[in-house]
Amino acid sequence: MGLKSLVTAALAALALAVAAAAVRRRLGSGSVPPIADAPPRVSDFSH
């Protein structure tokens, strides 16, 4: 159950990152890499 929840959390973080990238692309601010926001959240899930 713990592993399943970890995988679900990781997939949710990935989905959020992809959604953020799509929104930023739509807004036209492509100069800021959307991946920069992801690592801290992913590291929080890994703990």
PDB file of N, CA and C in Angstrom:
ATOM      1  N   MET A   1       0.847  -1.205   0.000  1.00  0.00           N
ATOM      2  CA  MET A   1       0.000   0.000   0.000  1.00  0.00           C
ATOM      3  C   MET A   1       0.879   1.250   0.000  1.00  0.00           C
ATOM      4  N   GLY A   2       1.977   1.211   0.771  1.00  0.00           N
ATOM      5  CA  GLY A   2       2.859   2.375   0.807  1.00  0.00           C
ATOM      6  C   GLY A   2       3.488   2.660  -0.544  1.00  0.00           C
ATOM      7  N   LEU A   3       3.934   1.578  -1.205  1.00  0.00           N
ATOM      8  CA  LEU A   3       4.552   1.757  -2.529  1.00  0.00           C
ATOM      9  C   LEU A   3       3.544   2.291  -3.526  1.00  0.00           C
ATOM     10  N   LYS A   4       2.314   1.790  -3.444  1.00  0.00           N
ATOM     11  CA  LYS A   4       1.273   2.244  -4.375  1.00  0.00           C
ATOM     12  C   LYS A   4       0.996   3.739  -4.171  1.00  0.00           C
ATOM     13  N   SER A   5       0.966   4.167  -2.903  1.00  0.00           N
ATOM     14  CA  SER A   5       0.707   5.583  -2.641  1.00  0.00           C
ATOM     15  C   SER A   5       1.878   6.449  -3.122  1.00  0.00           C
ATOM     16  N   LEU A   6       3.088   5.932  -2.998  1.00  0.00           N
ATOM     17  CA  LEU A   6       4.261   6.674  -3.490  1.00  0.00           C
ATOM     18  C   LEU A   6       4.198   6.842  -4.999  1.00  0.00           C
ATOM     19  N   VAL A   7       3.836   5.760  -5.690  1.00  0.00           N
ATOM     20  CA  VAL A   7       3.726   5.832  -7.155  1.00  0.00           C
ATOM     21  C   VAL A   7       2.619   6.801  -7.549  1.00  0.00           C
ATOM     22  N   THR A   8       1.503   6.761  -6.832  1.00  0.00           N
ATOM     23  CA  THR A   8       0.397   7.681  -7.118  1.00  0.00           C
ATOM     24  C   THR A   8       0.834   9.126  -6.903  1.00  0.00           C
ATOM     25  N   ALA A   9       1.576   9.366  -5.820  1.00  0.00           N
ATOM     26  CA  ALA A   9       2.057  10.722  -5.535  1.00  0.00           C
ATOM     27  C   ALA A   9       3.016  11.193  -6.628  1.00  0.00           C
ATOM     28  N   ALA A  10       3.886  10.289  -7.076  1.00  0.00           N
ATOM     29  CA  ALA A  10       4.843  10.647  -8.131  1.00  0.00           C
ATOM     30  C   ALA A  10       4.103  10.976  -9.434  1.00  0.00           C
ATOM     31  N   LEU A  11       3.099  10.175  -9.767  1.00  0.00           N
ATOM     32  CA  LEU A  11       2.319  10.437 -10.983  1.00  0.00           C
ATOM     33  C   LEU A  11       1.565  11.750 -10.865  1.00  0.00           C
ATOM     34  N   ALA A  12       1.040  12.041  -9.679  1.00  0.00           N
ATOM     35  CA  ALA A  12       0.323  13.301  -9.471  1.00  0.00           C
ATOM     36  C   ALA A  12       1.276  14.479  -9.642  1.00  0.00           C
ATOM     37  N   ALA A  13       2.493  14.359  -9.104  1.00  0.00           N
ATOM     38  CA  ALA A  13       3.483  15.429  -9.244  1.00  0.00           C
ATOM     39  C   ALA A  13       3.850  15.636 -10.707  1.00  0.00           C
ATOM     40  N   LEU A  14       4.006  14.526 -11.432  1.00  0.00           N
ATOM     41  CA  LEU A  14       4.308  14.618 -12.864  1.00  0.00           C
ATOM     42  C   LEU A  14       3.174  15.293 -13.617  1.00  0.00           C
ATOM     43  N   ALA A  15       1.937  14.917 -13.287  1.00  0.00           N
ATOM     44  CA  ALA A  15       0.777  15.512 -13.955  1.00  0.00           C
ATOM     45  C   ALA A  15       0.715  17.010 -13.671  1.00  0.00           C
ATOM     46  N   LEU A  16       1.009  17.400 -12.431  1.00  0.00           N
ATOM     47  CA  LEU A  16       1.002  18.822 -12.077  1.00  0.00           C
ATOM     48  C   LEU A  16       2.088  19.561 -12.860  1.00  0.00           C
ATOM     49  N   ALA A  17       3.263  18.949 -12.978  1.00  0.00           N
ATOM     50  CA  ALA A  17       4.355  19.591 -13.707  1.00  0.00           C
ATOM     51  C   ALA A  17       3.989  19.764 -15.184  1.00  0.00           C
ATOM     52  N   VAL A  18       3.379  18.729 -15.766  1.00  0.00           N
ATOM     53  CA  VAL A  18       2.988  18.807 -17.177  1.00  0.00           C
ATOM     54  C   VAL A  18       1.905  19.866 -17.366  1.00  0.00           C
ATOM     55  N   ALA A  19       0.955  19.911 -16.435  1.00  0.00           N
ATOM     56  CA  ALA A  19      -0.112  20.907 -16.527  1.00  0.00           C
ATOM     57  C   ALA A  19       0.467  22.319 -16.398  1.00  0.00           C
ATOM     58  N   ALA A  20       1.394  22.498 -15.468  1.00  0.00           N
ATOM     59  CA  ALA A  20       2.027  23.813 -15.290  1.00  0.00           C
ATOM     60  C   ALA A  20       2.776  24.217 -16.557  1.00  0.00           C
ATOM     61  N   ALA A  21       3.459  23.245 -17.183  1.00  0.00           N
ATOM     62  CA  ALA A  21       4.190  23.536 -18.419  1.00  0.00           C
ATOM     63  C   ALA A  21       3.224  23.964 -19.524  1.00  0.00           C
ATOM     64  N   ALA A  22       2.088  23.269 -19.613  1.00  0.00           N
ATOM     65  CA  ALA A  22       1.112  23.604 -20.646  1.00  0.00           C
ATOM     66  C   ALA A  22       0.537  25.001 -20.417  1.00  0.00           C
ATOM     67  N   VAL A  23       0.233  25.314 -19.159  1.00  0.00           N
ATOM     68  CA  VAL A  23      -0.331  26.634 -18.839  1.00  0.00           C
ATOM     69  C   VAL A  23       0.683  27.729 -19.161  1.00  0.00           C
ATOM     70  N   ARG A  24       1.945  27.503 -18.761  1.00  0.00           N
ATOM     71  CA  ARG A  24       2.967  28.527 -19.021  1.00  0.00           C
ATOM     72  C   ARG A  24       3.193  28.692 -20.516  1.00  0.00           C
ATOM     73  N   ARG A  25       3.117  27.602 -21.254  1.00  0.00           N
ATOM     74  CA  ARG A  25       3.281  27.679 -22.710  1.00  0.00           C
ATOM     75  C   ARG A  25       2.133  28.483 -23.308  1.00  0.00           C
ATOM     76  N   ARG A  26       0.946  28.258 -22.773  1.00  0.00           N
ATOM     77  CA  ARG A  26      -0.227  28.972 -23.282  1.00  0.00           C
ATOM     78  C   ARG A  26      -0.106  30.461 -22.965  1.00  0.00           C
ATOM     79  N   LEU A  27       0.423  30.781 -21.800  1.00  0.00           N
ATOM     80  CA  LEU A  27       0.572  32.186 -21.424  1.00  0.00           C
ATOM     81  C   LEU A  27       1.700  32.847 -22.212  1.00  0.00           C
ATOM     82  N   GLY A  28       2.603  32.046 -22.756  1.00  0.00           N
ATOM     83  CA  GLY A  28       3.659  32.589 -23.596  1.00  0.00           C
ATOM     84  C   GLY A  28       4.941  32.887 -22.844  1.00  0.00           C
ATOM     85  N   SER A  29       5.021  32.543 -21.564  1.00  0.00           N
ATOM     86  CA  SER A  29       6.260  32.789 -20.818  1.00  0.00           C
ATOM     87  C   SER A  29       7.145  31.557 -20.905  1.00  0.00           C
ATOM     88  N   GLY A  30       7.617  31.269 -22.100  1.00  0.00           N
ATOM     89  CA  GLY A  30       8.416  30.071 -22.312  1.00  0.00           C
ATOM     90  C   GLY A  30       9.864  30.237 -21.886  1.00  0.00           C
ATOM     91  N   SER A  31      10.253  31.446 -21.468  1.00  0.00           N
ATOM     92  CA  SER A  31      11.637  31.671 -21.082  1.00  0.00           C
ATOM     93  C   SER A  31      11.951  31.017 -19.746  1.00  0.00           C
ATOM     94  N   VAL A  32      10.937  30.794 -18.905  1.00  0.00           N
ATOM     95  CA  VAL A  32      11.145  30.174 -17.596  1.00  0.00           C
ATOM     96  C   VAL A  32      10.894  28.677 -17.708  1.00  0.00           C
ATOM     97  N   PRO A  33      11.899  27.854 -17.416  1.00  0.00           N
ATOM     98  CA  PRO A  33      11.712  26.407 -17.511  1.00  0.00           C
ATOM     99  C   PRO A  33      10.758  25.898 -16.432  1.00  0.00           C
ATOM    100  N   PRO A  34       9.662  25.236 -16.806  1.00  0.00           N
ATOM    101  CA  PRO A  34       8.690  24.771 -15.820  1.00  0.00           C
ATOM    102  C   PRO A  34       9.231  23.679 -14.917  1.00  0.00           C
ATOM    103  N   ILE A  35      10.300  23.005 -15.350  1.00  0.00           N
ATOM    104  CA  ILE A  35      10.867  21.908 -14.555  1.00  0.00           C
ATOM    105  C   ILE A  35      11.481  22.456 -13.258  1.00  0.00           C
ATOM    106  N   ALA A  36      11.802  23.745 -13.216  1.00  0.00           N
ATOM    107  CA  ALA A  36      12.471  24.319 -12.049  1.00  0.00           C
ATOM    108  C   ALA A  36      11.608  24.195 -10.790  1.00  0.00           C
ATOM    109  N   ASP A  37      10.291  24.169 -10.945  1.00  0.00           N
ATOM    110  CA  ASP A  37       9.407  24.078  -9.780  1.00  0.00           C
ATOM    111  C   ASP A  37       9.220  22.646  -9.306  1.00  0.00           C
ATOM    112  N   ALA A  38       9.553  21.666 -10.149  1.00  0.00           N
ATOM    113  CA  ALA A  38       9.226  20.271  -9.834  1.00  0.00           C
ATOM    114  C   ALA A  38      10.148  19.617  -8.791  1.00  0.00           C
ATOM    115  N   PRO A  39      11.486  19.745  -8.889  1.00  0.00           N
ATOM    116  CA  PRO A  39      12.358  18.959  -7.998  1.00  0.00           C
ATOM    117  C   PRO A  39      12.043  19.063  -6.504  1.00  0.00           C
ATOM    118  N   PRO A  40      11.783  20.248  -5.931  1.00  0.00           N
ATOM    119  CA  PRO A  40      11.494  20.297  -4.494  1.00  0.00           C
ATOM    120  C   PRO A  40      10.267  19.466  -4.124  1.00  0.00           C
ATOM    121  N   ARG A  41       9.211  19.547  -4.917  1.00  0.00           N
ATOM    122  CA  ARG A  41       7.987  18.807  -4.608  1.00  0.00           C
ATOM    123  C   ARG A  41       8.233  17.307  -4.724  1.00  0.00           C
ATOM    124  N   VAL A  42       8.984  16.901  -5.750  1.00  0.00           N
ATOM    125  CA  VAL A  42       9.266  15.474  -5.920  1.00  0.00           C
ATOM    126  C   VAL A  42      10.117  14.961  -4.765  1.00  0.00           C
ATOM    127  N   SER A  43      11.088  15.757  -4.305  1.00  0.00           N
ATOM    128  CA  SER A  43      11.928  15.330  -3.187  1.00  0.00           C
ATOM    129  C   SER A  43      11.101  15.242  -1.902  1.00  0.00           C
ATOM    130  N   ASP A  44      10.112  16.103  -1.745  1.00  0.00           N
ATOM    131  CA  ASP A  44       9.226  16.020  -0.583  1.00  0.00           C
ATOM    132  C   ASP A  44       8.447  14.721  -0.604  1.00  0.00           C
ATOM    133  N   PHE A  45       7.985  14.297  -1.783  1.00  0.00           N
ATOM    134  CA  PHE A  45       7.230  13.045  -1.886  1.00  0.00           C
ATOM    135  C   PHE A  45       8.127  11.847  -1.596  1.00  0.00           C
ATOM    136  N   SER A  46       9.397  11.933  -1.957  1.00  0.00           N
ATOM    137  CA  SER A  46      10.296  10.788  -1.765  1.00  0.00           C
ATOM    138  C   SER A  46      10.564  10.543  -0.283  1.00  0.00           C
ATOM    139  N   HIS A  47      10.496  11.580   0.527  1.00  0.00           N
ATOM    140  CA  HIS A  47      10.668  11.390   1.977  1.00  0.00           C
ATOM    141  C   HIS A  47       9.399  10.798   2.548  1.00  0.00           C
TER     142      HIS A  47
END
